Amino acid sequence: MNTIKHVFFDLDNTLWDFRKNARFALAELYIKHDVENRYGFTFDEFHPHYHESNEGLWALIRDKKISKEELRDRRFKDAFRTLGIDNDALAVIFEEEYMETITNYNEVVDGAIELLDYLKPKYSLHIITNGFIEVSKRKIESSDLQNYFETVTYADEIKVLKPDPRIFDLAMEKSQANKKESIYIGDDWIADAVGAKAFGMRAIFFDRLDDNFTMDEVPTIKHLDEVRSFL
């Protein structure tokens, strides 16, 4: 791939360890609001319900079936109700405080900094993220990721989400990159791998969850160290 000049990354769960940081933040809120003592469910009982709710709603956003506002309104309500906790006011409090609390934790994905150190002298590095813009900015600015990237493209800027080609167009415009000289690395099969390939970029699928999806000309990696085999 010696024609590559620009390397684009997804943010959440590709570089910034969303799942780990979210778990830390939620555990903090669970203790703060005494949920276990009030309702009898441990955090470990609650967390799978939240994870399922959040992942399912993000998939609906990606497929343009709900808005981000609806996700924020529903993810904790749905998780609590599934567990048997009927307290919408508590869900609202969790949503408000969660958005602030999560960026207090800034674990990056294993191997991320080592890979960025390796790539930075050789390529122009960029991010494209579907995450909420203000939260995503804080994730980057308050973590070890802040000094590596020339551009960051937020889906919120034009209110479309990957895999919509318009978000990739915006990223090309902001970075002054040519898609034929660019490659995209991300952990979401549809938004990242399929989206980038359909746009005309080369792509690498970071298969952190062992989904085992495959597509011609889209290599799969299980750890960020493996990117060095291609760049």
C-alpha atoms as a PDB file:
ATOM      1  CA  MET A   1       0.000   0.000   0.000  1.00  0.00           C
ATOM      2  CA  ASN A   2       2.859   2.356  -0.825  1.00  0.00           C
ATOM      3  CA  THR A   3       0.517   4.821  -2.533  1.00  0.00           C
ATOM      4  CA  ILE A   4      -1.149   5.647   0.786  1.00  0.00           C
ATOM      5  CA  LYS A   5      -0.534   9.154   2.130  1.00  0.00           C
ATOM      6  CA  HIS A   6      -3.484   9.591   4.514  1.00  0.00           C
ATOM      7  CA  VAL A   7      -4.630   7.202   7.253  1.00  0.00           C
ATOM      8  CA  PHE A   8      -8.118   7.740   8.680  1.00  0.00           C
ATOM      9  CA  PHE A   9      -9.298   6.178  11.915  1.00  0.00           C
ATOM     10  CA  ASP A  10     -12.595   5.665  13.621  1.00  0.00           C
ATOM     11  CA  LEU A  11     -12.471   6.958  17.220  1.00  0.00           C
ATOM     12  CA  ASP A  12     -14.655   4.925  19.595  1.00  0.00           C
ATOM     13  CA  ASN A  13     -13.417   1.373  20.185  1.00  0.00           C
ATOM     14  CA  THR A  14     -10.767   1.758  17.505  1.00  0.00           C
ATOM     15  CA  LEU A  15      -8.499   4.234  19.298  1.00  0.00           C
ATOM     16  CA  TRP A  16     -10.403   5.460  22.363  1.00  0.00           C
ATOM     17  CA  ASP A  17     -11.598   2.489  24.400  1.00  0.00           C
ATOM     18  CA  PHE A  18     -15.266   3.392  24.640  1.00  0.00           C
ATOM     19  CA  ARG A  19     -16.405   0.102  26.119  1.00  0.00           C
ATOM     20  CA  LYS A  20     -13.852   0.190  28.934  1.00  0.00           C
ATOM     21  CA  ASN A  21     -14.324   3.899  29.715  1.00  0.00           C
ATOM     22  CA  ALA A  22     -18.107   3.610  29.590  1.00  0.00           C
ATOM     23  CA  ARG A  23     -18.017   0.746  32.072  1.00  0.00           C
ATOM     24  CA  PHE A  24     -15.885   2.797  34.475  1.00  0.00           C
ATOM     25  CA  ALA A  25     -18.218   5.799  34.181  1.00  0.00           C
ATOM     26  CA  LEU A  26     -21.378   3.742  34.617  1.00  0.00           C
ATOM     27  CA  ALA A  27     -19.980   1.941  37.653  1.00  0.00           C
ATOM     28  CA  GLU A  28     -19.234   5.318  39.218  1.00  0.00           C
ATOM     29  CA  LEU A  29     -22.796   6.540  38.605  1.00  0.00           C
ATOM     30  CA  TYR A  30     -24.276   3.263  39.843  1.00  0.00           C
ATOM     31  CA  ILE A  31     -22.517   3.712  43.174  1.00  0.00           C
ATOM     32  CA  LYS A  32     -23.223   7.447  43.349  1.00  0.00           C
ATOM     33  CA  HIS A  33     -26.968   6.933  42.966  1.00  0.00           C
ATOM     34  CA  ASP A  34     -27.049   3.851  45.226  1.00  0.00           C
ATOM     35  CA  VAL A  35     -28.871   1.810  42.597  1.00  0.00           C
ATOM     36  CA  GLU A  36     -27.982  -1.594  44.015  1.00  0.00           C
ATOM     37  CA  ASN A  37     -29.265  -0.786  47.495  1.00  0.00           C
ATOM     38  CA  ARG A  38     -32.380   0.909  46.137  1.00  0.00           C
ATOM     39  CA  TYR A  39     -33.382  -1.760  43.642  1.00  0.00           C
ATOM     40  CA  GLY A  40     -31.441  -4.922  44.485  1.00  0.00           C
ATOM     41  CA  PHE A  41     -29.551  -5.328  41.220  1.00  0.00           C
ATOM     42  CA  THR A  42     -25.759  -5.359  41.109  1.00  0.00           C
ATOM     43  CA  PHE A  43     -23.841  -3.328  38.563  1.00  0.00           C
ATOM     44  CA  ASP A  44     -22.778  -6.541  36.835  1.00  0.00           C
ATOM     45  CA  GLU A  45     -26.467  -7.402  36.415  1.00  0.00           C
ATOM     46  CA  PHE A  46     -27.245  -3.941  35.043  1.00  0.00           C
ATOM     47  CA  HIS A  47     -24.349  -3.472  32.644  1.00  0.00           C
ATOM     48  CA  PRO A  48     -25.281  -6.085  29.986  1.00  0.00           C
ATOM     49  CA  HIS A  49     -28.740  -4.489  29.692  1.00  0.00           C
ATOM     50  CA  TYR A  50     -27.200  -1.060  29.142  1.00  0.00           C
ATOM     51  CA  HIS A  51     -24.690  -2.427  26.621  1.00  0.00           C
ATOM     52  CA  GLU A  52     -27.426  -4.154  24.627  1.00  0.00           C
ATOM     53  CA  SER A  53     -29.623  -1.051  24.700  1.00  0.00           C
ATOM     54  CA  ASN A  54     -26.829   1.311  23.633  1.00  0.00           C
ATOM     55  CA  GLU A  55     -25.453  -0.918  20.871  1.00  0.00           C
ATOM     56  CA  GLY A  56     -28.928  -1.554  19.465  1.00  0.00           C
ATOM     57  CA  LEU A  57     -29.832   2.128  19.420  1.00  0.00           C
ATOM     58  CA  TRP A  58     -26.571   3.113  17.733  1.00  0.00           C
ATOM     59  CA  ALA A  59     -27.320   0.541  15.027  1.00  0.00           C
ATOM     60  CA  LEU A  60     -30.732   2.186  14.529  1.00  0.00           C
ATOM     61  CA  ILE A  61     -29.062   5.590  14.229  1.00  0.00           C
ATOM     62  CA  ARG A  62     -26.624   4.243  11.659  1.00  0.00           C
ATOM     63  CA  ASP A  63     -29.567   2.852   9.681  1.00  0.00           C
ATOM     64  CA  LYS A  64     -31.337   6.253   9.918  1.00  0.00           C
ATOM     65  CA  LYS A  65     -34.257   4.849  11.902  1.00  0.00           C
ATOM     66  CA  ILE A  66     -33.887   7.069  14.982  1.00  0.00           C
ATOM     67  CA  SER A  67     -32.109  10.313  15.892  1.00  0.00           C
ATOM     68  CA  LYS A  68     -29.267  10.837  18.350  1.00  0.00           C
ATOM     69  CA  GLU A  69     -31.723  12.696  20.557  1.00  0.00           C
ATOM     70  CA  GLU A  70     -33.911   9.594  20.698  1.00  0.00           C
ATOM     71  CA  LEU A  71     -30.897   7.475  21.611  1.00  0.00           C
ATOM     72  CA  ARG A  72     -30.107   9.782  24.517  1.00  0.00           C
ATOM     73  CA  ASP A  73     -33.719   9.687  25.640  1.00  0.00           C
ATOM     74  CA  ARG A  74     -34.044   5.921  25.449  1.00  0.00           C
ATOM     75  CA  ARG A  75     -30.800   4.106  26.253  1.00  0.00           C
ATOM     76  CA  PHE A  76     -30.982   4.277  30.048  1.00  0.00           C
ATOM     77  CA  LYS A  77     -34.768   4.112  30.199  1.00  0.00           C
ATOM     78  CA  ASP A  78     -34.761   0.941  28.112  1.00  0.00           C
ATOM     79  CA  ALA A  79     -31.896  -0.592  30.099  1.00  0.00           C
ATOM     80  CA  PHE A  80     -33.511   0.108  33.473  1.00  0.00           C
ATOM     81  CA  ARG A  81     -36.942  -1.085  32.365  1.00  0.00           C
ATOM     82  CA  THR A  82     -35.531  -4.319  30.955  1.00  0.00           C
ATOM     83  CA  LEU A  83     -33.907  -4.945  34.311  1.00  0.00           C
ATOM     84  CA  GLY A  84     -37.162  -4.188  36.118  1.00  0.00           C
ATOM     85  CA  ILE A  85     -36.381  -0.652  37.337  1.00  0.00           C
ATOM     86  CA  ASP A  86     -39.232   1.689  36.456  1.00  0.00           C
ATOM     87  CA  ASN A  87     -37.699   5.087  37.164  1.00  0.00           C
ATOM     88  CA  ASP A  88     -37.495   7.413  34.164  1.00  0.00           C
ATOM     89  CA  ALA A  89     -36.231  10.275  36.326  1.00  0.00           C
ATOM     90  CA  LEU A  90     -33.206   8.190  37.304  1.00  0.00           C
ATOM     91  CA  ALA A  91     -32.614   7.379  33.640  1.00  0.00           C
ATOM     92  CA  VAL A  92     -32.593  11.097  32.798  1.00  0.00           C
ATOM     93  CA  ILE A  93     -30.075  11.779  35.570  1.00  0.00           C
ATOM     94  CA  PHE A  94     -27.849   8.931  34.347  1.00  0.00           C
ATOM     95  CA  GLU A  95     -27.903  10.287  30.795  1.00  0.00           C
ATOM     96  CA  GLU A  96     -27.024  13.811  31.870  1.00  0.00           C
ATOM     97  CA  GLU A  97     -24.220  12.769  34.198  1.00  0.00           C
ATOM     98  CA  TYR A  98     -22.907   9.982  31.981  1.00  0.00           C
ATOM     99  CA  MET A  99     -22.034  12.392  29.174  1.00  0.00           C
ATOM    100  CA  GLU A 100     -19.880  14.357  31.605  1.00  0.00           C
ATOM    101  CA  THR A 101     -18.443  11.442  33.537  1.00  0.00           C
ATOM    102  CA  ILE A 102     -17.259   9.256  30.680  1.00  0.00           C
ATOM    103  CA  THR A 103     -14.516  11.674  29.611  1.00  0.00           C
ATOM    104  CA  ASN A 104     -13.020  11.498  33.095  1.00  0.00           C
ATOM    105  CA  TYR A 105     -11.752   8.097  31.953  1.00  0.00           C
ATOM    106  CA  ASN A 106      -9.354   8.044  29.033  1.00  0.00           C
ATOM    107  CA  GLU A 107      -8.152   4.535  28.398  1.00  0.00           C
ATOM    108  CA  VAL A 108      -7.088   4.023  24.795  1.00  0.00           C
ATOM    109  CA  VAL A 109      -7.245   0.743  22.930  1.00  0.00           C
ATOM    110  CA  ASP A 110      -4.265  -1.532  23.480  1.00  0.00           C
ATOM    111  CA  GLY A 111      -1.567  -0.711  20.945  1.00  0.00           C
ATOM    112  CA  ALA A 112      -3.110   2.586  19.803  1.00  0.00           C
ATOM    113  CA  ILE A 113      -0.330   4.936  20.905  1.00  0.00           C
ATOM    114  CA  GLU A 114       2.407   2.608  19.687  1.00  0.00           C
ATOM    115  CA  LEU A 115       0.729   2.428  16.268  1.00  0.00           C
ATOM    116  CA  LEU A 116       0.242   6.194  16.051  1.00  0.00           C
ATOM    117  CA  ASP A 117       3.891   6.750  16.967  1.00  0.00           C
ATOM    118  CA  TYR A 118       4.834   4.393  14.161  1.00  0.00           C
ATOM    119  CA  LEU A 119       2.528   5.991  11.567  1.00  0.00           C
ATOM    120  CA  LYS A 120       2.920   9.682  12.424  1.00  0.00           C
ATOM    121  CA  PRO A 121       6.294  10.241  10.689  1.00  0.00           C
ATOM    122  CA  LYS A 122       5.124   8.469   7.533  1.00  0.00           C
ATOM    123  CA  TYR A 123       1.498   9.531   6.961  1.00  0.00           C
ATOM    124  CA  SER A 124      -1.029  12.272   7.583  1.00  0.00           C
ATOM    125  CA  LEU A 125      -3.374  10.986  10.270  1.00  0.00           C
ATOM    126  CA  HIS A 126      -7.080  11.809  10.629  1.00  0.00           C
ATOM    127  CA  ILE A 127     -10.217  10.758  12.514  1.00  0.00           C
ATOM    128  CA  ILE A 128     -13.810  10.328  11.323  1.00  0.00           C
ATOM    129  CA  THR A 129     -16.308   9.728  14.114  1.00  0.00           C
ATOM    130  CA  ASN A 130     -20.054   9.249  14.466  1.00  0.00           C
ATOM    131  CA  GLY A 131     -19.866  10.228  18.137  1.00  0.00           C
ATOM    132  CA  PHE A 132     -21.421  13.312  19.686  1.00  0.00           C
ATOM    133  CA  ILE A 133     -19.199  16.236  18.711  1.00  0.00           C
ATOM    134  CA  GLU A 134     -18.568  17.874  22.093  1.00  0.00           C
ATOM    135  CA  VAL A 135     -18.010  14.554  23.845  1.00  0.00           C
ATOM    136  CA  SER A 136     -15.715  13.337  21.063  1.00  0.00           C
ATOM    137  CA  LYS A 137     -13.650  16.510  21.272  1.00  0.00           C
ATOM    138  CA  ARG A 138     -13.174  15.982  25.001  1.00  0.00           C
ATOM    139  CA  LYS A 139     -12.207  12.350  24.440  1.00  0.00           C
ATOM    140  CA  ILE A 140      -9.418  13.392  22.098  1.00  0.00           C
ATOM    141  CA  GLU A 141      -8.259  16.503  23.954  1.00  0.00           C
ATOM    142  CA  SER A 142      -8.106  14.884  27.389  1.00  0.00           C
ATOM    143  CA  SER A 143      -6.430  11.661  26.289  1.00  0.00           C
ATOM    144  CA  ASP A 144      -3.081  10.652  24.840  1.00  0.00           C
ATOM    145  CA  LEU A 145      -4.563  10.987  21.333  1.00  0.00           C
ATOM    146  CA  GLN A 146      -4.552  14.761  21.145  1.00  0.00           C
ATOM    147  CA  ASN A 147      -1.315  15.458  19.242  1.00  0.00           C
ATOM    148  CA  TYR A 148      -1.461  12.941  16.430  1.00  0.00           C
ATOM    149  CA  PHE A 149      -4.203  14.085  14.056  1.00  0.00           C
ATOM    150  CA  GLU A 150      -4.265  16.760  11.395  1.00  0.00           C
ATOM    151  CA  THR A 151      -8.046  16.729  11.033  1.00  0.00           C
ATOM    152  CA  VAL A 152     -11.050  15.345  12.882  1.00  0.00           C
ATOM    153  CA  THR A 153     -14.339  15.000  11.024  1.00  0.00           C
ATOM    154  CA  TYR A 154     -17.454  14.772  13.191  1.00  0.00           C
ATOM    155  CA  ALA A 155     -20.631  13.340  11.712  1.00  0.00           C
ATOM    156  CA  ASP A 156     -22.567  15.936  13.723  1.00  0.00           C
ATOM    157  CA  GLU A 157     -21.046  18.652  11.536  1.00  0.00           C
ATOM    158  CA  ILE A 158     -23.413  17.781   8.692  1.00  0.00           C
ATOM    159  CA  LYS A 159     -25.914  15.598  10.578  1.00  0.00           C
ATOM    160  CA  VAL A 160     -25.138  12.406   8.673  1.00  0.00           C
ATOM    161  CA  LEU A 161     -23.433   9.266   9.919  1.00  0.00           C
ATOM    162  CA  LYS A 162     -21.051   6.737   8.485  1.00  0.00           C
ATOM    163  CA  PRO A 163     -21.553   4.811   6.227  1.00  0.00           C
ATOM    164  CA  ASP A 164     -23.184   7.778   4.422  1.00  0.00           C
ATOM    165  CA  PRO A 165     -20.665   8.834   1.744  1.00  0.00           C
ATOM    166  CA  ARG A 166     -21.170  12.505   2.580  1.00  0.00           C
ATOM    167  CA  ILE A 167     -19.227  12.124   5.820  1.00  0.00           C
ATOM    168  CA  PHE A 168     -16.299  10.661   3.897  1.00  0.00           C
ATOM    169  CA  ASP A 169     -16.579  13.488   1.350  1.00  0.00           C
ATOM    170  CA  LEU A 170     -16.358  16.009   4.176  1.00  0.00           C
ATOM    171  CA  ALA A 171     -13.300  14.242   5.563  1.00  0.00           C
ATOM    172  CA  MET A 172     -11.608  14.401   2.150  1.00  0.00           C
ATOM    173  CA  GLU A 173     -12.397  18.113   1.908  1.00  0.00           C
ATOM    174  CA  LYS A 174     -11.115  18.918   5.396  1.00  0.00           C
ATOM    175  CA  SER A 175      -7.924  16.894   4.984  1.00  0.00           C
ATOM    176  CA  GLN A 176      -7.342  17.794   1.320  1.00  0.00           C
ATOM    177  CA  ALA A 177      -6.810  14.105   0.765  1.00  0.00           C
ATOM    178  CA  ASN A 178      -7.497  11.968  -2.285  1.00  0.00           C
ATOM    179  CA  LYS A 179      -9.495   8.841  -1.498  1.00  0.00           C
ATOM    180  CA  LYS A 180      -7.241   6.779  -3.752  1.00  0.00           C
ATOM    181  CA  GLU A 181      -4.330   7.751  -1.505  1.00  0.00           C
ATOM    182  CA  SER A 182      -6.243   7.090   1.715  1.00  0.00           C
ATOM    183  CA  ILE A 183      -7.085   4.142   3.934  1.00  0.00           C
ATOM    184  CA  TYR A 184      -9.639   3.828   6.719  1.00  0.00           C
ATOM    185  CA  ILE A 185      -9.342   1.732   9.888  1.00  0.00           C
ATOM    186  CA  GLY A 186     -12.368   1.056  12.077  1.00  0.00           C
ATOM    187  CA  ASP A 187     -14.127  -1.523  14.233  1.00  0.00           C
ATOM    188  CA  ASP A 188     -17.703  -1.206  12.890  1.00  0.00           C
ATOM    189  CA  TRP A 189     -18.247  -3.475   9.908  1.00  0.00           C
ATOM    190  CA  ILE A 190     -21.055  -1.454   8.307  1.00  0.00           C
ATOM    191  CA  ALA A 191     -20.098   2.106   9.225  1.00  0.00           C
ATOM    192  CA  ASP A 192     -16.359   1.722   8.772  1.00  0.00           C
ATOM    193  CA  ALA A 193     -15.355  -1.167   6.524  1.00  0.00           C
ATOM    194  CA  VAL A 194     -18.376  -1.265   4.208  1.00  0.00           C
ATOM    195  CA  GLY A 195     -18.773   2.509   4.261  1.00  0.00           C
ATOM    196  CA  ALA A 196     -15.175   3.281   3.357  1.00  0.00           C
ATOM    197  CA  LYS A 197     -15.008   0.579   0.673  1.00  0.00           C
ATOM    198  CA  ALA A 198     -18.233   1.821  -0.930  1.00  0.00           C
ATOM    199  CA  PHE A 199     -16.828   5.350  -0.934  1.00  0.00           C
ATOM    200  CA  GLY A 200     -13.765   4.167  -2.831  1.00  0.00           C
ATOM    201  CA  MET A 201     -11.200   4.097  -0.021  1.00  0.00           C
ATOM    202  CA  ARG A 202      -9.172   1.142   1.022  1.00  0.00           C
ATOM    203  CA  ALA A 203     -10.209  -0.167   4.413  1.00  0.00           C
ATOM    204  CA  ILE A 204      -8.994  -2.348   7.247  1.00  0.00           C
ATOM    205  CA  PHE A 205     -11.560  -3.943   9.559  1.00  0.00           C
ATOM    206  CA  PHE A 206     -10.535  -3.998  13.216  1.00  0.00           C
ATOM    207  CA  ASP A 207     -12.504  -7.017  14.396  1.00  0.00           C
ATOM    208  CA  ARG A 208     -12.369  -6.529  18.174  1.00  0.00           C
ATOM    209  CA  LEU A 209     -15.532  -8.552  18.835  1.00  0.00           C
ATOM    210  CA  ASP A 210     -14.701 -11.542  16.621  1.00  0.00           C
ATOM    211  CA  ASP A 211     -17.566 -10.814  14.241  1.00  0.00           C
ATOM    212  CA  ASN A 212     -15.593 -12.517  11.454  1.00  0.00           C
ATOM    213  CA  PHE A 213     -17.151 -10.480   8.642  1.00  0.00           C
ATOM    214  CA  THR A 214     -15.244 -10.620   5.372  1.00  0.00           C
ATOM    215  CA  MET A 215     -15.142  -8.735   2.094  1.00  0.00           C
ATOM    216  CA  ASP A 216     -12.790  -8.884  -0.865  1.00  0.00           C
ATOM    217  CA  GLU A 217      -9.873  -6.460  -0.538  1.00  0.00           C
ATOM    218  CA  VAL A 218     -10.728  -5.572   3.080  1.00  0.00           C
ATOM    219  CA  PRO A 219      -8.186  -7.196   5.396  1.00  0.00           C
ATOM    220  CA  THR A 220      -9.180  -7.989   8.974  1.00  0.00           C
ATOM    221  CA  ILE A 221      -7.038  -7.407  12.033  1.00  0.00           C
ATOM    222  CA  LYS A 222      -7.568  -8.471  15.648  1.00  0.00           C
ATOM    223  CA  HIS A 223      -4.991  -6.121  17.218  1.00  0.00           C
ATOM    224  CA  LEU A 224      -3.776  -2.679  16.152  1.00  0.00           C
ATOM    225  CA  ASP A 225      -0.190  -3.971  15.912  1.00  0.00           C
ATOM    226  CA  GLU A 226      -1.247  -5.834  12.769  1.00  0.00           C
ATOM    227  CA  VAL A 227      -1.734  -2.568  10.878  1.00  0.00           C
ATOM    228  CA  ARG A 228       2.046  -2.466  10.442  1.00  0.00           C
ATOM    229  CA  SER A 229       1.741  -5.377   8.016  1.00  0.00           C
ATOM    230  CA  PHE A 230      -0.149  -3.112   5.630  1.00  0.00           C
ATOM    231  CA  LEU A 231       1.422   0.324   6.220  1.00  0.00           C
END
